[in-house]
Amino acid sequence: MNYPEEMKMIDRDADLDKLQAAAGSMDDGVAEELKTKNFKKFELHCCKAYEILRLNADQLVTLFQIMLSAGMPELNHDENIQKMVERLHLEMTEREASKHFKVEI
């Protein structure tokens, strides 16, 4: 897909190396506590965003159908939309979906 430069994926390995180097320079207990606290905060934000996406699934599908009919090159098959719907796990309860999503993180 052709994304604008500011939307491209980051180099996870390089960023992980930087994080590990910074964490290694701290006291091990403090570094582990900080990583755990920050990860929990990250996880909470991700789950909240996932919940919002699930609550607005109908609008997302409609938007993507409009994008598909507009001929966007990144979205060229109905299967793309179906895959998005599958990943939202609308058949699950909010609690089940959140638990599943945490495993994915």
N, C-alpha and C. Protein backbone atom coordinates (compact mmCIF):
# COMPACT_ATOMS: atom_id res chain seq x y z
N MET A 1 0.82 -1.18 0.00
CA MET A 1 0.00 0.00 0.00
C MET A 1 0.87 1.25 0.00
N ASN A 2 0.38 2.27 -0.59
CA ASN A 2 1.11 3.52 -0.68
C ASN A 2 0.59 4.51 0.35
N TYR A 3 1.24 4.56 1.49
CA TYR A 3 0.83 5.48 2.54
C TYR A 3 1.73 6.70 2.53
N PRO A 4 1.20 7.84 2.99
CA PRO A 4 2.07 9.01 3.13
C PRO A 4 3.20 8.68 4.10
N GLU A 5 4.31 9.35 3.95
CA GLU A 5 5.50 9.06 4.75
C GLU A 5 5.20 9.04 6.25
N GLU A 6 4.39 10.00 6.72
CA GLU A 6 4.13 10.09 8.16
C GLU A 6 3.26 8.94 8.68
N MET A 7 2.65 8.15 7.78
CA MET A 7 1.79 7.06 8.20
C MET A 7 2.46 5.69 8.05
N LYS A 8 3.68 5.66 7.58
CA LYS A 8 4.35 4.38 7.36
C LYS A 8 4.70 3.73 8.69
N MET A 9 4.77 2.41 8.67
CA MET A 9 5.10 1.66 9.87
C MET A 9 6.52 1.98 10.33
N ILE A 10 6.68 1.98 11.64
CA ILE A 10 8.00 2.24 12.20
C ILE A 10 8.82 0.95 12.18
N ASP A 11 10.08 1.10 12.32
CA ASP A 11 10.97 -0.05 12.40
C ASP A 11 10.93 -0.56 13.84
N ARG A 12 10.12 -1.58 14.09
CA ARG A 12 9.92 -2.06 15.46
C ARG A 12 11.21 -2.53 16.10
N ASP A 13 12.05 -3.23 15.34
CA ASP A 13 13.28 -3.76 15.90
C ASP A 13 14.21 -2.65 16.36
N ALA A 14 14.34 -1.60 15.55
CA ALA A 14 15.21 -0.48 15.91
C ALA A 14 14.68 0.22 17.15
N ASP A 15 13.36 0.43 17.20
CA ASP A 15 12.78 1.10 18.36
C ASP A 15 12.88 0.22 19.60
N LEU A 16 12.71 -1.08 19.44
CA LEU A 16 12.85 -1.99 20.57
C LEU A 16 14.28 -1.98 21.10
N ASP A 17 15.26 -1.94 20.20
CA ASP A 17 16.66 -1.87 20.62
C ASP A 17 16.92 -0.61 21.43
N LYS A 18 16.36 0.51 20.98
CA LYS A 18 16.54 1.77 21.70
C LYS A 18 15.91 1.70 23.08
N LEU A 19 14.71 1.12 23.16
CA LEU A 19 14.01 1.00 24.44
C LEU A 19 14.79 0.10 25.39
N GLN A 20 15.29 -1.01 24.86
CA GLN A 20 16.04 -1.93 25.71
C GLN A 20 17.35 -1.30 26.19
N ALA A 21 18.00 -0.52 25.34
CA ALA A 21 19.23 0.16 25.73
C ALA A 21 18.94 1.18 26.83
N ALA A 22 17.85 1.92 26.68
CA ALA A 22 17.48 2.91 27.70
C ALA A 22 17.09 2.23 29.00
N ALA A 23 16.35 1.15 28.90
CA ALA A 23 15.93 0.43 30.10
C ALA A 23 17.12 -0.22 30.79
N GLY A 24 18.10 -0.67 30.02
CA GLY A 24 19.27 -1.29 30.61
C GLY A 24 20.12 -0.31 31.40
N SER A 25 20.00 0.98 31.10
CA SER A 25 20.79 1.97 31.82
C SER A 25 20.16 2.34 33.16
N MET A 26 18.92 1.91 33.41
CA MET A 26 18.24 2.18 34.67
C MET A 26 18.42 0.99 35.60
N ASP A 27 18.09 1.21 36.86
CA ASP A 27 18.04 0.12 37.82
C ASP A 27 17.03 -0.90 37.30
N ASP A 28 17.36 -2.19 37.33
CA ASP A 28 16.50 -3.22 36.74
C ASP A 28 15.09 -3.20 37.31
N GLY A 29 14.93 -3.03 38.60
CA GLY A 29 13.61 -3.01 39.21
C GLY A 29 12.79 -1.82 38.75
N VAL A 30 13.42 -0.65 38.69
CA VAL A 30 12.74 0.56 38.26
C VAL A 30 12.36 0.44 36.79
N ALA A 31 13.28 -0.07 35.97
CA ALA A 31 13.02 -0.21 34.54
C ALA A 31 11.86 -1.17 34.30
N GLU A 32 11.83 -2.28 35.01
CA GLU A 32 10.75 -3.25 34.83
C GLU A 32 9.41 -2.67 35.26
N GLU A 33 9.39 -1.96 36.37
CA GLU A 33 8.15 -1.33 36.84
C GLU A 33 7.66 -0.29 35.84
N LEU A 34 8.58 0.50 35.29
CA LEU A 34 8.22 1.52 34.32
C LEU A 34 7.67 0.89 33.05
N LYS A 35 8.33 -0.17 32.56
CA LYS A 35 7.85 -0.85 31.36
C LYS A 35 6.46 -1.44 31.59
N THR A 36 6.25 -2.04 32.75
CA THR A 36 4.96 -2.64 33.06
C THR A 36 3.88 -1.58 33.14
N LYS A 37 4.16 -0.48 33.83
CA LYS A 37 3.19 0.61 33.97
C LYS A 37 2.86 1.21 32.60
N ASN A 38 3.88 1.49 31.81
CA ASN A 38 3.66 2.06 30.48
C ASN A 38 2.94 1.10 29.55
N PHE A 39 3.26 -0.18 29.66
CA PHE A 39 2.59 -1.16 28.81
C PHE A 39 1.12 -1.26 29.18
N LYS A 40 0.81 -1.26 30.45
CA LYS A 40 -0.59 -1.32 30.89
C LYS A 40 -1.37 -0.11 30.37
N LYS A 41 -0.74 1.05 30.40
CA LYS A 41 -1.37 2.27 29.89
C LYS A 41 -1.60 2.14 28.38
N PHE A 42 -0.59 1.66 27.66
CA PHE A 42 -0.69 1.42 26.23
C PHE A 42 -1.81 0.43 25.92
N GLU A 43 -1.85 -0.65 26.67
CA GLU A 43 -2.86 -1.69 26.48
C GLU A 43 -4.26 -1.13 26.71
N LEU A 44 -4.42 -0.32 27.73
CA LEU A 44 -5.71 0.30 28.03
C LEU A 44 -6.18 1.19 26.87
N HIS A 45 -5.27 2.01 26.34
CA HIS A 45 -5.61 2.88 25.22
C HIS A 45 -5.97 2.06 23.97
N CYS A 46 -5.21 1.01 23.70
CA CYS A 46 -5.49 0.16 22.54
C CYS A 46 -6.87 -0.50 22.66
N CYS A 47 -7.18 -1.02 23.84
CA CYS A 47 -8.47 -1.68 24.05
C CYS A 47 -9.62 -0.69 23.93
N LYS A 48 -9.43 0.52 24.41
CA LYS A 48 -10.46 1.55 24.29
C LYS A 48 -10.69 1.90 22.81
N ALA A 49 -9.62 2.05 22.05
CA ALA A 49 -9.74 2.34 20.62
C ALA A 49 -10.44 1.19 19.90
N TYR A 50 -10.10 -0.05 20.25
CA TYR A 50 -10.74 -1.22 19.65
C TYR A 50 -12.23 -1.24 19.97
N GLU A 51 -12.57 -0.92 21.21
CA GLU A 51 -13.97 -0.86 21.62
C GLU A 51 -14.74 0.19 20.80
N ILE A 52 -14.14 1.34 20.60
CA ILE A 52 -14.76 2.41 19.81
C ILE A 52 -14.97 1.96 18.36
N LEU A 53 -13.96 1.30 17.79
CA LEU A 53 -14.10 0.79 16.43
C LEU A 53 -15.24 -0.22 16.33
N ARG A 54 -15.33 -1.11 17.32
CA ARG A 54 -16.40 -2.12 17.32
C ARG A 54 -17.77 -1.46 17.44
N LEU A 55 -17.88 -0.44 18.28
CA LEU A 55 -19.16 0.24 18.47
C LEU A 55 -19.60 0.98 17.20
N ASN A 56 -18.65 1.35 16.37
CA ASN A 56 -18.94 2.10 15.15
C ASN A 56 -18.73 1.25 13.89
N ALA A 57 -18.86 -0.05 14.02
CA ALA A 57 -18.59 -0.95 12.90
C ALA A 57 -19.47 -0.66 11.70
N ASP A 58 -20.74 -0.36 11.93
CA ASP A 58 -21.64 -0.08 10.80
C ASP A 58 -21.17 1.12 9.99
N GLN A 59 -20.77 2.17 10.69
CA GLN A 59 -20.28 3.37 10.00
C GLN A 59 -18.97 3.08 9.26
N LEU A 60 -18.11 2.27 9.87
CA LEU A 60 -16.84 1.92 9.21
C LEU A 60 -17.09 1.14 7.93
N VAL A 61 -18.00 0.18 7.99
CA VAL A 61 -18.30 -0.62 6.81
C VAL A 61 -18.85 0.28 5.70
N THR A 62 -19.77 1.17 6.07
CA THR A 62 -20.34 2.10 5.07
C THR A 62 -19.25 2.97 4.46
N LEU A 63 -18.37 3.49 5.30
CA LEU A 63 -17.27 4.33 4.81
C LEU A 63 -16.36 3.55 3.86
N PHE A 64 -16.04 2.33 4.23
CA PHE A 64 -15.16 1.52 3.39
C PHE A 64 -15.85 1.12 2.09
N GLN A 65 -17.16 0.92 2.12
CA GLN A 65 -17.89 0.62 0.88
C GLN A 65 -17.85 1.83 -0.06
N ILE A 66 -17.97 3.02 0.50
CA ILE A 66 -17.85 4.24 -0.32
C ILE A 66 -16.45 4.34 -0.91
N MET A 67 -15.45 4.06 -0.09
CA MET A 67 -14.06 4.10 -0.55
C MET A 67 -13.82 3.07 -1.66
N LEU A 68 -14.42 1.90 -1.50
CA LEU A 68 -14.28 0.84 -2.51
C LEU A 68 -14.89 1.29 -3.83
N SER A 69 -16.07 1.88 -3.77
CA SER A 69 -16.73 2.32 -5.01
C SER A 69 -16.01 3.51 -5.65
N ALA A 70 -15.21 4.23 -4.85
CA ALA A 70 -14.44 5.35 -5.39
C ALA A 70 -13.18 4.88 -6.12
N GLY A 71 -12.88 3.59 -6.01
CA GLY A 71 -11.75 3.04 -6.75
C GLY A 71 -10.40 3.26 -6.09
N MET A 72 -10.37 3.37 -4.77
CA MET A 72 -9.08 3.54 -4.08
C MET A 72 -8.22 2.30 -4.31
N PRO A 73 -6.97 2.47 -4.75
CA PRO A 73 -6.14 1.30 -5.08
C PRO A 73 -5.82 0.41 -3.89
N GLU A 74 -5.81 0.95 -2.66
CA GLU A 74 -5.50 0.15 -1.48
C GLU A 74 -6.68 -0.72 -1.04
N LEU A 75 -7.85 -0.40 -1.55
CA LEU A 75 -9.07 -1.11 -1.18
C LEU A 75 -9.77 -1.51 -2.47
N ASN A 76 -9.54 -2.74 -2.91
CA ASN A 76 -10.04 -3.10 -4.23
C ASN A 76 -10.95 -4.32 -4.27
N HIS A 77 -11.29 -4.91 -3.12
CA HIS A 77 -12.17 -6.07 -3.11
C HIS A 77 -13.08 -6.02 -1.89
N ASP A 78 -14.26 -6.59 -2.04
CA ASP A 78 -15.18 -6.71 -0.89
C ASP A 78 -14.54 -7.52 0.23
N GLU A 79 -13.61 -8.40 -0.13
CA GLU A 79 -12.94 -9.23 0.88
C GLU A 79 -12.15 -8.37 1.87
N ASN A 80 -11.66 -7.23 1.41
CA ASN A 80 -10.93 -6.33 2.31
C ASN A 80 -11.85 -5.85 3.44
N ILE A 81 -13.06 -5.53 3.09
CA ILE A 81 -14.03 -5.06 4.09
C ILE A 81 -14.44 -6.21 5.00
N GLN A 82 -14.66 -7.37 4.41
CA GLN A 82 -15.04 -8.54 5.22
C GLN A 82 -13.95 -8.89 6.22
N LYS A 83 -12.70 -8.77 5.81
CA LYS A 83 -11.58 -9.07 6.72
C LYS A 83 -11.60 -8.10 7.91
N MET A 84 -11.89 -6.82 7.64
CA MET A 84 -11.97 -5.84 8.72
C MET A 84 -13.08 -6.23 9.71
N VAL A 85 -14.23 -6.61 9.17
CA VAL A 85 -15.36 -7.00 10.02
C VAL A 85 -14.99 -8.23 10.85
N GLU A 86 -14.33 -9.19 10.24
CA GLU A 86 -13.90 -10.39 10.98
C GLU A 86 -12.98 -10.04 12.13
N ARG A 87 -12.06 -9.11 11.90
CA ARG A 87 -11.09 -8.74 12.93
C ARG A 87 -11.70 -7.93 14.07
N LEU A 88 -12.87 -7.37 13.83
CA LEU A 88 -13.57 -6.65 14.90
C LEU A 88 -14.30 -7.61 15.84
N HIS A 89 -14.46 -8.85 15.44
CA HIS A 89 -15.10 -9.89 16.26
C HIS A 89 -16.42 -9.40 16.87
N LEU A 90 -17.32 -9.00 15.99
CA LEU A 90 -18.60 -8.47 16.43
C LEU A 90 -19.49 -9.53 17.08
N GLU A 91 -19.16 -10.79 16.87
CA GLU A 91 -19.94 -11.87 17.48
C GLU A 91 -19.61 -12.04 18.97
N MET A 92 -18.53 -11.42 19.42
CA MET A 92 -18.11 -11.52 20.82
C MET A 92 -18.73 -10.39 21.65
N THR A 93 -18.82 -10.66 22.95
CA THR A 93 -19.21 -9.59 23.85
C THR A 93 -18.05 -8.61 23.97
N GLU A 94 -18.33 -7.46 24.56
CA GLU A 94 -17.26 -6.46 24.73
C GLU A 94 -16.11 -7.03 25.56
N ARG A 95 -16.44 -7.74 26.61
CA ARG A 95 -15.42 -8.34 27.49
C ARG A 95 -14.60 -9.40 26.75
N GLU A 96 -15.28 -10.26 26.00
CA GLU A 96 -14.59 -11.31 25.25
C GLU A 96 -13.66 -10.69 24.20
N ALA A 97 -14.17 -9.68 23.50
CA ALA A 97 -13.37 -9.03 22.45
C ALA A 97 -12.15 -8.34 23.05
N SER A 98 -12.32 -7.69 24.19
CA SER A 98 -11.20 -7.01 24.84
C SER A 98 -10.14 -8.03 25.27
N LYS A 99 -10.58 -9.13 25.83
CA LYS A 99 -9.64 -10.19 26.24
C LYS A 99 -8.89 -10.74 25.04
N HIS A 100 -9.62 -11.00 23.95
CA HIS A 100 -8.99 -11.50 22.72
C HIS A 100 -7.99 -10.49 22.18
N PHE A 101 -8.37 -9.23 22.19
CA PHE A 101 -7.50 -8.17 21.65
C PHE A 101 -6.22 -8.04 22.47
N LYS A 102 -6.31 -8.18 23.79
CA LYS A 102 -5.12 -8.11 24.64
C LYS A 102 -4.13 -9.21 24.29
N VAL A 103 -4.64 -10.37 23.93
CA VAL A 103 -3.76 -11.47 23.50
C VAL A 103 -3.05 -11.09 22.21
N GLU A 104 -3.77 -10.41 21.32
CA GLU A 104 -3.19 -9.99 20.04
C GLU A 104 -2.10 -8.94 20.23
N ILE A 105 -2.23 -8.10 21.25
CA ILE A 105 -1.22 -7.05 21.49
C ILE A 105 0.07 -7.73 21.87
